Amino acid sequence: MLFRSALSVWDDGPGLELATAPPGHGLETLRARLAVLFGRDATLEARRAAAGSRVTVHLPAQALAVEAS
């Protein structure tokens, strides 16, 4: 799978654990929307580090075609 776009956001706050986040939090909602629009071709990764968290969204090439039409 070739990804055309990736977007990362870094937060230097206390971080988060997706496994313990309450149902309906924003990243869960975003992951669900990506799944509806692109299936397994889009991914959302959240990683916690000692100094904060990074969330990265990978979008397939078709994402730009959907937006342009």
PDB file of N, CA and C in Angstrom:
ATOM      1  N   MET A   1       0.856  -1.186   0.000  1.00  0.00           N
ATOM      2  CA  MET A   1       0.000   0.000   0.000  1.00  0.00           C
ATOM      3  C   MET A   1       0.888   1.230   0.000  1.00  0.00           C
ATOM      4  N   LEU A   2       0.697   2.108  -0.958  1.00  0.00           N
ATOM      5  CA  LEU A   2       1.417   3.365  -0.997  1.00  0.00           C
ATOM      6  C   LEU A   2       0.532   4.465  -0.439  1.00  0.00           C
ATOM      7  N   PHE A   3       1.040   5.161   0.553  1.00  0.00           N
ATOM      8  CA  PHE A   3       0.314   6.284   1.119  1.00  0.00           C
ATOM      9  C   PHE A   3       0.777   7.557   0.438  1.00  0.00           C
ATOM     10  N   ARG A   4      -0.173   8.401   0.168  1.00  0.00           N
ATOM     11  CA  ARG A   4       0.167   9.656  -0.496  1.00  0.00           C
ATOM     12  C   ARG A   4       0.390  10.772   0.508  1.00  0.00           C
ATOM     13  N   SER A   5      -0.348  10.754   1.611  1.00  0.00           N
ATOM     14  CA  SER A   5      -0.271  11.833   2.590  1.00  0.00           C
ATOM     15  C   SER A   5      -0.194  11.274   3.997  1.00  0.00           C
ATOM     16  N   ALA A   6       0.553  11.973   4.825  1.00  0.00           N
ATOM     17  CA  ALA A   6       0.606  11.642   6.247  1.00  0.00           C
ATOM     18  C   ALA A   6       0.587  12.959   7.018  1.00  0.00           C
ATOM     19  N   LEU A   7      -0.120  12.959   8.128  1.00  0.00           N
ATOM     20  CA  LEU A   7      -0.209  14.128   8.995  1.00  0.00           C
ATOM     21  C   LEU A   7       0.101  13.675  10.403  1.00  0.00           C
ATOM     22  N   SER A   8       1.081  14.325  11.052  1.00  0.00           N
ATOM     23  CA  SER A   8       1.434  13.997  12.428  1.00  0.00           C
ATOM     24  C   SER A   8       1.239  15.214  13.308  1.00  0.00           C
ATOM     25  N   VAL A   9       0.767  14.959  14.517  1.00  0.00           N
ATOM     26  CA  VAL A   9       0.608  16.011  15.518  1.00  0.00           C
ATOM     27  C   VAL A   9       1.317  15.536  16.781  1.00  0.00           C
ATOM     28  N   TRP A  10       2.170  16.391  17.327  1.00  0.00           N
ATOM     29  CA  TRP A  10       2.906  16.081  18.544  1.00  0.00           C
ATOM     30  C   TRP A  10       2.375  16.959  19.670  1.00  0.00           C
ATOM     31  N   ASP A  11       2.156  16.374  20.831  1.00  0.00           N
ATOM     32  CA  ASP A  11       1.700  17.092  22.018  1.00  0.00           C
ATOM     33  C   ASP A  11       2.690  16.781  23.127  1.00  0.00           C
ATOM     34  N   ASP A  12       3.245  17.819  23.749  1.00  0.00           N
ATOM     35  CA  ASP A  12       4.224  17.589  24.802  1.00  0.00           C
ATOM     36  C   ASP A  12       3.596  17.532  26.198  1.00  0.00           C
ATOM     37  N   GLY A  13       2.281  17.329  26.245  1.00  0.00           N
ATOM     38  CA  GLY A  13       1.579  17.188  27.516  1.00  0.00           C
ATOM     39  C   GLY A  13       1.777  15.805  28.115  1.00  0.00           C
ATOM     40  N   PRO A  14       0.901  15.420  29.041  1.00  0.00           N
ATOM     41  CA  PRO A  14       1.068  14.143  29.739  1.00  0.00           C
ATOM     42  C   PRO A  14       0.832  12.916  28.869  1.00  0.00           C
ATOM     43  N   GLY A  15       0.314  13.089  27.686  1.00  0.00           N
ATOM     44  CA  GLY A  15       0.089  11.953  26.792  1.00  0.00           C
ATOM     45  C   GLY A  15      -1.236  11.271  27.058  1.00  0.00           C
ATOM     46  N   LEU A  16      -1.500  10.212  26.299  1.00  0.00           N
ATOM     47  CA  LEU A  16      -2.748   9.488  26.445  1.00  0.00           C
ATOM     48  C   LEU A  16      -2.521   8.032  26.100  1.00  0.00           C
ATOM     49  N   GLU A  17      -3.371   7.213  26.593  1.00  0.00           N
ATOM     50  CA  GLU A  17      -3.369   5.791  26.269  1.00  0.00           C
ATOM     51  C   GLU A  17      -4.705   5.487  25.603  1.00  0.00           C
ATOM     52  N   LEU A  18      -4.696   5.105  24.335  1.00  0.00           N
ATOM     53  CA  LEU A  18      -5.944   4.822  23.628  1.00  0.00           C
ATOM     54  C   LEU A  18      -6.713   3.680  24.276  1.00  0.00           C
ATOM     55  N   ALA A  19      -6.004   2.726  24.833  1.00  0.00           N
ATOM     56  CA  ALA A  19      -6.672   1.571  25.436  1.00  0.00           C
ATOM     57  C   ALA A  19      -7.502   1.961  26.659  1.00  0.00           C
ATOM     58  N   THR A  20      -7.129   3.044  27.331  1.00  0.00           N
ATOM     59  CA  THR A  20      -7.855   3.449  28.532  1.00  0.00           C
ATOM     60  C   THR A  20      -8.679   4.717  28.344  1.00  0.00           C
ATOM     61  N   ALA A  21      -8.691   5.267  27.129  1.00  0.00           N
ATOM     62  CA  ALA A  21      -9.479   6.475  26.858  1.00  0.00           C
ATOM     63  C   ALA A  21     -10.969   6.129  26.888  1.00  0.00           C
ATOM     64  N   PRO A  22     -11.805   7.065  27.327  1.00  0.00           N
ATOM     65  CA  PRO A  22     -13.241   6.787  27.395  1.00  0.00           C
ATOM     66  C   PRO A  22     -13.855   6.608  26.005  1.00  0.00           C
ATOM     67  N   PRO A  23     -14.919   5.819  25.895  1.00  0.00           N
ATOM     68  CA  PRO A  23     -15.595   5.648  24.604  1.00  0.00           C
ATOM     69  C   PRO A  23     -16.053   6.993  24.044  1.00  0.00           C
ATOM     70  N   GLY A  24     -15.933   7.141  22.730  1.00  0.00           N
ATOM     71  CA  GLY A  24     -16.397   8.359  22.079  1.00  0.00           C
ATOM     72  C   GLY A  24     -15.399   9.497  22.060  1.00  0.00           C
ATOM     73  N   HIS A  25     -14.163   9.253  22.514  1.00  0.00           N
ATOM     74  CA  HIS A  25     -13.175  10.338  22.467  1.00  0.00           C
ATOM     75  C   HIS A  25     -12.857  10.664  21.010  1.00  0.00           C
ATOM     76  N   GLY A  26     -12.262  11.796  20.755  1.00  0.00           N
ATOM     77  CA  GLY A  26     -12.052  12.300  19.403  1.00  0.00           C
ATOM     78  C   GLY A  26     -11.259  11.386  18.490  1.00  0.00           C
ATOM     79  N   LEU A  27     -10.204  10.750  19.001  1.00  0.00           N
ATOM     80  CA  LEU A  27      -9.402   9.878  18.146  1.00  0.00           C
ATOM     81  C   LEU A  27     -10.172   8.629  17.747  1.00  0.00           C
ATOM     82  N   GLU A  28     -11.013   8.134  18.635  1.00  0.00           N
ATOM     83  CA  GLU A  28     -11.858   6.981  18.296  1.00  0.00           C
ATOM     84  C   GLU A  28     -12.832   7.353  17.178  1.00  0.00           C
ATOM     85  N   THR A  29     -13.405   8.527  17.273  1.00  0.00           N
ATOM     86  CA  THR A  29     -14.330   9.011  16.254  1.00  0.00           C
ATOM     87  C   THR A  29     -13.610   9.201  14.920  1.00  0.00           C
ATOM     88  N   LEU A  30     -12.415   9.777  14.957  1.00  0.00           N
ATOM     89  CA  LEU A  30     -11.640   9.962  13.728  1.00  0.00           C
ATOM     90  C   LEU A  30     -11.285   8.618  13.108  1.00  0.00           C
ATOM     91  N   ARG A  31     -10.856   7.652  13.910  1.00  0.00           N
ATOM     92  CA  ARG A  31     -10.519   6.320  13.393  1.00  0.00           C
ATOM     93  C   ARG A  31     -11.741   5.678  12.726  1.00  0.00           C
ATOM     94  N   ALA A  32     -12.917   5.829  13.325  1.00  0.00           N
ATOM     95  CA  ALA A  32     -14.144   5.259  12.762  1.00  0.00           C
ATOM     96  C   ALA A  32     -14.486   5.925  11.426  1.00  0.00           C
ATOM     97  N   ARG A  33     -14.330   7.231  11.341  1.00  0.00           N
ATOM     98  CA  ARG A  33     -14.620   7.934  10.081  1.00  0.00           C
ATOM     99  C   ARG A  33     -13.655   7.531   8.972  1.00  0.00           C
ATOM    100  N   LEU A  34     -12.380   7.393   9.322  1.00  0.00           N
ATOM    101  CA  LEU A  34     -11.404   6.940   8.337  1.00  0.00           C
ATOM    102  C   LEU A  34     -11.764   5.548   7.822  1.00  0.00           C
ATOM    103  N   ALA A  35     -12.212   4.681   8.712  1.00  0.00           N
ATOM    104  CA  ALA A  35     -12.589   3.319   8.322  1.00  0.00           C
ATOM    105  C   ALA A  35     -13.773   3.332   7.362  1.00  0.00           C
ATOM    106  N   VAL A  36     -14.754   4.192   7.622  1.00  0.00           N
ATOM    107  CA  VAL A  36     -15.924   4.278   6.739  1.00  0.00           C
ATOM    108  C   VAL A  36     -15.514   4.805   5.363  1.00  0.00           C
ATOM    109  N   LEU A  37     -14.671   5.820   5.337  1.00  0.00           N
ATOM    110  CA  LEU A  37     -14.287   6.438   4.074  1.00  0.00           C
ATOM    111  C   LEU A  37     -13.287   5.621   3.262  1.00  0.00           C
ATOM    112  N   PHE A  38     -12.305   4.994   3.954  1.00  0.00           N
ATOM    113  CA  PHE A  38     -11.191   4.384   3.232  1.00  0.00           C
ATOM    114  C   PHE A  38     -10.902   2.937   3.622  1.00  0.00           C
ATOM    115  N   GLY A  39     -11.690   2.373   4.512  1.00  0.00           N
ATOM    116  CA  GLY A  39     -11.442   1.003   4.946  1.00  0.00           C
ATOM    117  C   GLY A  39     -10.060   0.866   5.563  1.00  0.00           C
ATOM    118  N   ARG A  40      -9.362  -0.208   5.208  1.00  0.00           N
ATOM    119  CA  ARG A  40      -8.026  -0.452   5.762  1.00  0.00           C
ATOM    120  C   ARG A  40      -6.929   0.356   5.067  1.00  0.00           C
ATOM    121  N   ASP A  41      -7.306   1.161   4.084  1.00  0.00           N
ATOM    122  CA  ASP A  41      -6.312   1.945   3.353  1.00  0.00           C
ATOM    123  C   ASP A  41      -5.865   3.201   4.091  1.00  0.00           C
ATOM    124  N   ALA A  42      -6.543   3.575   5.151  1.00  0.00           N
ATOM    125  CA  ALA A  42      -6.142   4.713   5.974  1.00  0.00           C
ATOM    126  C   ALA A  42      -5.869   4.192   7.379  1.00  0.00           C
ATOM    127  N   THR A  43      -4.898   4.799   8.036  1.00  0.00           N
ATOM    128  CA  THR A  43      -4.570   4.376   9.393  1.00  0.00           C
ATOM    129  C   THR A  43      -4.433   5.579  10.312  1.00  0.00           C
ATOM    130  N   LEU A  44      -4.660   5.342  11.580  1.00  0.00           N
ATOM    131  CA  LEU A  44      -4.436   6.326  12.625  1.00  0.00           C
ATOM    132  C   LEU A  44      -3.595   5.636  13.685  1.00  0.00           C
ATOM    133  N   GLU A  45      -2.448   6.218  13.995  1.00  0.00           N
ATOM    134  CA  GLU A  45      -1.561   5.670  15.011  1.00  0.00           C
ATOM    135  C   GLU A  45      -1.400   6.697  16.118  1.00  0.00           C
ATOM    136  N   ALA A  46      -1.465   6.248  17.339  1.00  0.00           N
ATOM    137  CA  ALA A  46      -1.195   7.110  18.494  1.00  0.00           C
ATOM    138  C   ALA A  46      -0.119   6.433  19.321  1.00  0.00           C
ATOM    139  N   ARG A  47       0.943   7.166  19.583  1.00  0.00           N
ATOM    140  CA  ARG A  47       2.057   6.624  20.348  1.00  0.00           C
ATOM    141  C   ARG A  47       2.398   7.573  21.488  1.00  0.00           C
ATOM    142  N   ARG A  48       2.611   6.997  22.632  1.00  0.00           N
ATOM    143  CA  ARG A  48       2.990   7.772  23.795  1.00  0.00           C
ATOM    144  C   ARG A  48       4.486   7.638  24.000  1.00  0.00           C
ATOM    145  N   ALA A  49       5.117   8.734  24.341  1.00  0.00           N
ATOM    146  CA  ALA A  49       6.542   8.752  24.647  1.00  0.00           C
ATOM    147  C   ALA A  49       6.723   9.454  25.987  1.00  0.00           C
ATOM    148  N   ALA A  50       7.905   9.394  26.516  1.00  0.00           N
ATOM    149  CA  ALA A  50       8.176   9.996  27.823  1.00  0.00           C
ATOM    150  C   ALA A  50       7.851  11.490  27.846  1.00  0.00           C
ATOM    151  N   ALA A  51       8.020  12.147  26.712  1.00  0.00           N
ATOM    152  CA  ALA A  51       7.825  13.593  26.680  1.00  0.00           C
ATOM    153  C   ALA A  51       6.502  14.008  26.038  1.00  0.00           C
ATOM    154  N   GLY A  52       5.566  13.088  25.794  1.00  0.00           N
ATOM    155  CA  GLY A  52       4.285  13.461  25.211  1.00  0.00           C
ATOM    156  C   GLY A  52       3.719  12.371  24.335  1.00  0.00           C
ATOM    157  N   SER A  53       2.955  12.778  23.334  1.00  0.00           N
ATOM    158  CA  SER A  53       2.296  11.833  22.432  1.00  0.00           C
ATOM    159  C   SER A  53       2.373  12.334  20.994  1.00  0.00           C
ATOM    160  N   ARG A  54       2.356  11.378  20.054  1.00  0.00           N
ATOM    161  CA  ARG A  54       2.284  11.709  18.626  1.00  0.00           C
ATOM    162  C   ARG A  54       1.132  10.921  18.030  1.00  0.00           C
ATOM    163  N   VAL A  55       0.298  11.615  17.274  1.00  0.00           N
ATOM    164  CA  VAL A  55      -0.785  10.981  16.529  1.00  0.00           C
ATOM    165  C   VAL A  55      -0.495  11.208  15.051  1.00  0.00           C
ATOM    166  N   THR A  56      -0.544  10.124  14.266  1.00  0.00           N
ATOM    167  CA  THR A  56      -0.263  10.200  12.833  1.00  0.00           C
ATOM    168  C   THR A  56      -1.412   9.568  12.062  1.00  0.00           C
ATOM    169  N   VAL A  57      -1.879  10.278  11.043  1.00  0.00           N
ATOM    170  CA  VAL A  57      -2.906   9.768  10.137  1.00  0.00           C
ATOM    171  C   VAL A  57      -2.250   9.568   8.784  1.00  0.00           C
ATOM    172  N   HIS A  58      -2.410   8.374   8.212  1.00  0.00           N
ATOM    173  CA  HIS A  58      -1.921   8.056   6.866  1.00  0.00           C
ATOM    174  C   HIS A  58      -3.142   7.924   5.963  1.00  0.00           C
ATOM    175  N   LEU A  59      -3.133   8.659   4.856  1.00  0.00           N
ATOM    176  CA  LEU A  59      -4.246   8.621   3.906  1.00  0.00           C
ATOM    177  C   LEU A  59      -3.782   8.042   2.579  1.00  0.00           C
ATOM    178  N   PRO A  60      -4.643   7.257   1.938  1.00  0.00           N
ATOM    179  CA  PRO A  60      -4.280   6.683   0.638  1.00  0.00           C
ATOM    180  C   PRO A  60      -4.376   7.743  -0.460  1.00  0.00           C
ATOM    181  N   ALA A  61      -3.798   7.425  -1.601  1.00  0.00           N
ATOM    182  CA  ALA A  61      -3.831   8.342  -2.739  1.00  0.00           C
ATOM    183  C   ALA A  61      -5.261   8.712  -3.123  1.00  0.00           C
ATOM    184  N   GLN A  62      -6.209   7.794  -2.982  1.00  0.00           N
ATOM    185  CA  GLN A  62      -7.591   8.083  -3.364  1.00  0.00           C
ATOM    186  C   GLN A  62      -8.221   9.157  -2.505  1.00  0.00           C
ATOM    187  N   ALA A  63      -7.673   9.457  -1.332  1.00  0.00           N
ATOM    188  CA  ALA A  63      -8.239  10.481  -0.460  1.00  0.00           C
ATOM    189  C   ALA A  63      -8.280  11.835  -1.145  1.00  0.00           C
ATOM    190  N   LEU A  64      -7.235  12.155  -1.892  1.00  0.00           N
ATOM    191  CA  LEU A  64      -7.222  13.430  -2.605  1.00  0.00           C
ATOM    192  C   LEU A  64      -8.216  13.454  -3.740  1.00  0.00           C
ATOM    193  N   ALA A  65      -8.422  12.324  -4.392  1.00  0.00           N
ATOM    194  CA  ALA A  65      -9.404  12.243  -5.480  1.00  0.00           C
ATOM    195  C   ALA A  65     -10.816  12.400  -4.947  1.00  0.00           C
ATOM    196  N   VAL A  66     -11.111  11.850  -3.774  1.00  0.00           N
ATOM    197  CA  VAL A  66     -12.436  11.980  -3.167  1.00  0.00           C
ATOM    198  C   VAL A  66     -12.694  13.427  -2.814  1.00  0.00           C
ATOM    199  N   GLU A  67     -11.704  14.091  -2.245  1.00  0.00           N
ATOM    200  CA  GLU A  67     -11.856  15.485  -1.844  1.00  0.00           C
ATOM    201  C   GLU A  67     -12.032  16.395  -3.056  1.00  0.00           C
ATOM    202  N   ALA A  68     -11.377  16.100  -4.164  1.00  0.00           N
ATOM    203  CA  ALA A  68     -11.431  16.957  -5.335  1.00  0.00           C
ATOM    204  C   ALA A  68     -12.743  16.830  -6.114  1.00  0.00           C
ATOM    205  N   SER A  69     -13.449  15.726  -5.969  1.00  0.00           N
ATOM    206  CA  SER A  69     -14.660  15.536  -6.766  1.00  0.00           C
ATOM    207  C   SER A  69     -15.878  16.177  -6.147  1.00  0.00           C
TER     208      SER A  69
END
